[in-house]
Amino acid sequence: MFEHGFFGNVLSKYYESDSVINSSTLALSTIKPGEFFLCVGTAIVIGFLISLIYMVTHRKEGYSQSYVLTMIMLPTIVAAILLIINTTAGALTLAGTLTLVRFRSVAGDPKDMAYIFFAMGIGVVCGVGYIGFALIFFMALAAILFVLSETDFGGCKKRHMTLKIAIPENLDYQGVFEPVLARFTTFHKLRRVKTTNFGTLFELIYSVDVLDNIDQKKFVDELRALNGNMTINLVFFKYDDKIYEN
């Protein structure tokens, strides 16, 4: 199975030269089914493991099932296409084509997009026959992602939040909420003001650092008394209105 060692190319005997980069053609018709399924099967297994790492590192903020399934599908699809294309030039053309794809949906969390590239990278490595490198690549990056997730590397302070206050259009908001904010926060700054509901309402968006162990209900109630009992959102800055699970 690994005639050239664990880090060797399992498809190297089908290339016209020893170097995959220098070869221009691959005799696809001579590839044995066992070697084809080895590459594709490895991509499936690693894709499944990537989906597990994705779920573990996203268990707090939540995740979409479609992303989990995508992690399994992508490496398999990419590996199979590269094996069928059977030329280095074709593989590079595929990579260039993928960079030109424009999705109609809005780009999500950059970390989710990085997982997509992670899965695609595994598919490419498996598709050119480097099974050993694919396994090492996965184990190294998966370990790093797990450690970074568990240590919350780069995470913002949990008391740093975003406060959104809806007010009537005829309310002069200058200085109205500052006394309450001064008592319940260590820092507050008005970041943005925008109109909503066809211009009949204003929305004030503050960045705030709330005091430790504050009574959030009392905080919100005092703000409601000032904005006419209209909508108030107090959310973690890092999640910003996303639904997440503990």
Protein backbone atom coordinates (compact mmCIF):
# COMPACT_ATOMS: atom_id res chain seq x y z
CA MET A 1 0.00 0.00 0.00
CA PHE A 2 2.79 2.42 0.95
CA GLU A 3 5.53 1.20 -1.38
CA HIS A 4 7.42 4.50 -1.10
CA GLY A 5 6.99 4.92 2.64
CA PHE A 6 4.27 6.49 4.74
CA PHE A 7 4.90 9.92 3.25
CA GLY A 8 5.24 8.64 -0.30
CA ASN A 9 2.74 9.12 -3.09
CA VAL A 10 0.53 6.03 -3.44
CA LEU A 11 -0.09 7.00 -7.08
CA SER A 12 3.52 7.73 -8.03
CA LYS A 13 3.95 4.58 -10.12
CA TYR A 14 1.25 5.84 -12.50
CA TYR A 15 3.02 9.10 -13.28
CA GLU A 16 5.38 9.36 -16.20
CA SER A 17 8.05 10.89 -14.01
CA ASP A 18 8.99 10.64 -10.35
CA SER A 19 7.75 14.16 -9.62
CA VAL A 20 4.05 14.88 -9.53
CA ILE A 21 4.76 18.51 -10.31
CA ASN A 22 6.76 17.66 -13.42
CA SER A 23 4.36 15.04 -14.73
CA SER A 24 1.77 16.11 -17.24
CA THR A 25 -0.36 12.99 -17.56
CA LEU A 26 -1.56 10.20 -15.35
CA ALA A 27 -2.70 6.90 -16.77
CA LEU A 28 -6.05 6.86 -15.02
CA SER A 29 -7.14 3.71 -16.77
CA THR A 30 -4.36 1.76 -15.02
CA ILE A 31 -5.18 2.90 -11.49
CA LYS A 32 -6.44 -0.02 -9.49
CA PRO A 33 -9.81 0.37 -7.74
CA GLY A 34 -8.14 -0.33 -4.41
CA GLU A 35 -5.83 2.67 -4.74
CA PHE A 36 -8.67 4.89 -5.94
CA PHE A 37 -10.83 3.94 -2.97
CA LEU A 38 -7.84 4.33 -0.65
CA CYS A 39 -7.49 8.00 -1.61
CA VAL A 40 -11.23 8.71 -1.63
CA GLY A 41 -11.84 6.64 1.52
CA THR A 42 -9.11 8.50 3.38
CA ALA A 43 -10.70 11.79 2.31
CA ILE A 44 -14.06 10.60 3.66
CA VAL A 45 -12.59 9.52 7.00
CA ILE A 46 -10.60 12.73 7.48
CA GLY A 47 -13.62 14.78 6.39
CA PHE A 48 -15.67 13.06 9.09
CA LEU A 49 -12.93 13.81 11.65
CA ILE A 50 -12.85 17.45 10.53
CA SER A 51 -16.62 17.63 11.11
CA LEU A 52 -16.10 16.27 14.64
CA ILE A 53 -13.43 18.89 15.37
CA TYR A 54 -15.76 21.55 13.95
CA MET A 55 -18.59 20.45 16.27
CA VAL A 56 -16.29 20.32 19.31
CA THR A 57 -14.84 23.78 18.70
CA HIS A 58 -18.30 25.25 18.01
CA ARG A 59 -20.25 23.54 20.79
CA LYS A 60 -20.61 26.78 22.78
CA GLU A 61 -21.70 29.18 20.06
CA GLY A 62 -23.63 26.60 18.05
CA TYR A 63 -23.27 25.45 14.47
CA SER A 64 -25.24 24.65 11.36
CA GLN A 65 -25.80 21.03 10.36
CA SER A 66 -25.18 21.99 6.75
CA TYR A 67 -21.62 23.04 7.65
CA VAL A 68 -21.03 19.72 9.42
CA LEU A 69 -22.15 17.78 6.35
CA THR A 70 -20.10 20.04 4.09
CA MET A 71 -16.93 19.11 5.99
CA ILE A 72 -17.55 15.46 5.12
CA MET A 73 -18.51 16.06 1.49
CA LEU A 74 -15.83 18.52 0.40
CA PRO A 75 -12.66 16.41 0.85
CA THR A 76 -14.33 13.48 -0.90
CA ILE A 77 -15.54 15.55 -3.84
CA VAL A 78 -12.22 17.33 -4.33
CA ALA A 79 -10.19 14.11 -4.06
CA ALA A 80 -12.43 12.29 -6.54
CA ILE A 81 -12.32 15.15 -9.06
CA LEU A 82 -8.53 15.37 -8.87
CA LEU A 83 -8.21 11.64 -9.44
CA ILE A 84 -10.51 11.84 -12.46
CA ILE A 85 -8.85 14.94 -13.94
CA ASN A 86 -5.57 13.00 -13.65
CA THR A 87 -3.22 15.85 -14.59
CA THR A 88 -1.40 18.44 -12.51
CA ALA A 89 -2.49 21.16 -14.95
CA GLY A 90 -6.09 20.06 -14.55
CA ALA A 91 -5.77 20.15 -10.78
CA LEU A 92 -4.44 23.69 -10.88
CA THR A 93 -7.27 24.67 -13.23
CA LEU A 94 -9.77 23.26 -10.74
CA ALA A 95 -8.21 25.25 -7.92
CA GLY A 96 -8.37 28.43 -10.01
CA THR A 97 -12.00 27.77 -10.88
CA LEU A 98 -12.94 27.35 -7.22
CA THR A 99 -11.42 30.74 -6.41
CA LEU A 100 -13.74 32.36 -8.97
CA VAL A 101 -16.94 30.89 -7.52
CA ARG A 102 -19.13 33.59 -6.04
CA PHE A 103 -21.72 32.35 -3.60
CA ARG A 104 -25.05 34.16 -3.39
CA SER A 105 -25.13 33.86 0.40
CA VAL A 106 -23.35 36.39 2.60
CA ALA A 107 -19.97 35.26 3.90
CA GLY A 108 -20.24 33.88 7.40
CA ASP A 109 -17.82 33.59 10.27
CA PRO A 110 -14.21 33.68 8.98
CA LYS A 111 -13.46 30.64 11.14
CA ASP A 112 -16.19 28.70 9.30
CA MET A 113 -14.68 29.71 5.98
CA ALA A 114 -11.27 28.54 7.22
CA TYR A 115 -12.76 25.13 7.97
CA ILE A 116 -14.02 25.01 4.38
CA PHE A 117 -10.49 25.61 3.11
CA PHE A 118 -9.20 23.04 5.62
CA ALA A 119 -11.54 20.42 4.16
CA MET A 120 -10.64 21.39 0.59
CA GLY A 121 -6.93 21.21 1.39
CA ILE A 122 -7.32 17.69 2.75
CA GLY A 123 -9.20 16.73 -0.41
CA VAL A 124 -6.41 18.08 -2.62
CA VAL A 125 -3.68 16.24 -0.68
CA CYS A 126 -5.63 12.97 -0.81
CA GLY A 127 -6.48 13.51 -4.46
CA VAL A 128 -2.82 13.64 -5.48
CA GLY A 129 -2.02 10.53 -3.47
CA TYR A 130 -0.21 11.83 -0.40
CA ILE A 131 -2.20 9.92 2.22
CA GLY A 132 0.48 10.17 4.92
CA PHE A 133 0.82 13.91 4.56
CA ALA A 134 -2.98 14.27 4.67
CA LEU A 135 -3.14 12.44 7.99
CA ILE A 136 -0.30 14.45 9.52
CA PHE A 137 -1.78 17.69 8.17
CA PHE A 138 -5.12 16.87 9.77
CA MET A 139 -3.70 15.80 13.14
CA ALA A 140 -1.48 18.87 13.46
CA LEU A 141 -4.12 21.43 12.54
CA ALA A 142 -6.90 19.65 14.47
CA ALA A 143 -4.76 19.65 17.63
CA ILE A 144 -4.03 23.36 17.22
CA LEU A 145 -7.70 24.20 16.65
CA PHE A 146 -8.76 22.17 19.70
CA VAL A 147 -6.21 23.85 21.98
CA LEU A 148 -7.12 27.34 20.71
CA SER A 149 -10.81 26.62 21.27
CA GLU A 150 -10.35 25.25 24.79
CA THR A 151 -8.15 28.15 25.85
CA ASP A 152 -10.48 30.68 24.17
CA PHE A 153 -7.46 32.21 22.49
CA GLY A 154 -8.21 35.72 21.26
CA GLY A 155 -11.64 35.77 22.93
CA CYS A 156 -13.00 39.08 24.14
CA LYS A 157 -13.99 39.75 27.73
CA LYS A 158 -17.41 38.33 28.56
CA ARG A 159 -18.45 41.58 30.19
CA HIS A 160 -17.83 43.43 26.93
CA MET A 161 -21.27 43.64 25.33
CA THR A 162 -23.27 45.45 22.70
CA LEU A 163 -26.29 47.46 23.83
CA LYS A 164 -29.00 48.37 21.32
CA ILE A 165 -31.71 50.81 22.40
CA ALA A 166 -34.74 51.68 20.26
CA ILE A 167 -36.18 55.17 20.84
CA PRO A 168 -38.98 57.26 19.27
CA GLU A 169 -37.87 59.64 16.54
CA ASN A 170 -38.92 62.67 18.61
CA LEU A 171 -36.78 61.76 21.65
CA ASP A 172 -33.62 63.82 22.10
CA TYR A 173 -31.25 61.06 23.15
CA GLN A 174 -28.27 63.29 23.93
CA GLY A 175 -27.30 62.57 27.56
CA VAL A 176 -30.52 60.70 28.35
CA PHE A 177 -29.01 57.26 29.01
CA GLU A 178 -25.58 58.31 30.28
CA PRO A 179 -26.48 58.41 34.03
CA VAL A 180 -27.75 54.81 33.94
CA LEU A 181 -24.84 53.63 31.85
CA ALA A 182 -22.38 55.29 34.23
CA ARG A 183 -23.82 53.31 37.17
CA PHE A 184 -23.92 49.90 35.51
CA THR A 185 -20.84 49.94 33.26
CA THR A 186 -17.14 50.65 33.51
CA PHE A 187 -17.06 51.85 29.91
CA HIS A 188 -19.69 52.91 27.42
CA LYS A 189 -19.49 54.57 24.04
CA LEU A 190 -22.12 55.34 21.44
CA ARG A 191 -20.91 53.61 18.28
CA ARG A 192 -23.73 54.15 15.83
CA VAL A 193 -27.15 55.72 15.41
CA LYS A 194 -29.48 54.50 12.69
CA THR A 195 -33.14 54.79 11.77
CA THR A 196 -35.42 51.75 11.72
CA ASN A 197 -39.05 50.94 10.98
CA PHE A 198 -39.17 53.26 7.94
CA GLY A 199 -37.67 56.15 9.89
CA THR A 200 -40.20 56.15 12.74
CA LEU A 201 -37.65 54.88 15.25
CA PHE A 202 -34.00 55.41 16.02
CA GLU A 203 -31.64 52.69 17.21
CA LEU A 204 -28.69 53.61 19.42
CA ILE A 205 -25.84 51.09 19.43
CA TYR A 206 -23.42 51.24 22.37
CA SER A 207 -20.28 49.31 23.20
CA VAL A 208 -20.33 48.70 26.95
CA ASP A 209 -18.27 46.93 29.59
CA VAL A 210 -20.81 45.95 32.23
CA LEU A 211 -19.87 45.71 35.90
CA ASP A 212 -19.27 42.24 37.30
CA ASN A 213 -22.31 40.53 38.83
CA ILE A 214 -24.73 43.32 37.94
CA ASP A 215 -28.47 42.81 37.99
CA GLN A 216 -29.08 42.83 34.25
CA LYS A 217 -32.86 42.97 34.69
CA LYS A 218 -32.57 46.11 36.79
CA PHE A 219 -30.18 47.56 34.24
CA VAL A 220 -32.58 46.92 31.37
CA ASP A 221 -35.61 48.10 33.38
CA GLU A 222 -34.00 51.46 34.08
CA LEU A 223 -33.21 51.88 30.40
CA ARG A 224 -36.79 50.93 29.46
CA ALA A 225 -38.08 53.67 31.75
CA LEU A 226 -36.11 56.16 29.68
CA ASN A 227 -36.90 54.94 26.16
CA GLY A 228 -40.65 54.55 26.58
CA ASN A 229 -40.59 50.79 27.20
CA MET A 230 -39.35 50.07 23.68
CA THR A 231 -37.00 47.34 22.48
CA ILE A 232 -33.61 46.92 24.19
CA ASN A 233 -31.03 44.30 23.20
CA LEU A 234 -28.07 43.46 25.43
CA VAL A 235 -25.86 40.83 23.75
CA PHE A 236 -22.32 39.53 23.93
CA PHE A 237 -20.15 41.44 21.49
CA LYS A 238 -18.53 38.27 20.12
CA TYR A 239 -21.89 36.64 19.30
CA ASP A 240 -23.97 39.68 18.36
CA ASP A 241 -27.52 38.36 18.06
CA LYS A 242 -26.48 34.83 17.12
CA ILE A 243 -28.29 31.95 18.77
CA TYR A 244 -25.75 29.79 20.59
CA GLU A 245 -25.73 26.79 22.87
CA ASN A 246 -23.84 26.16 26.08
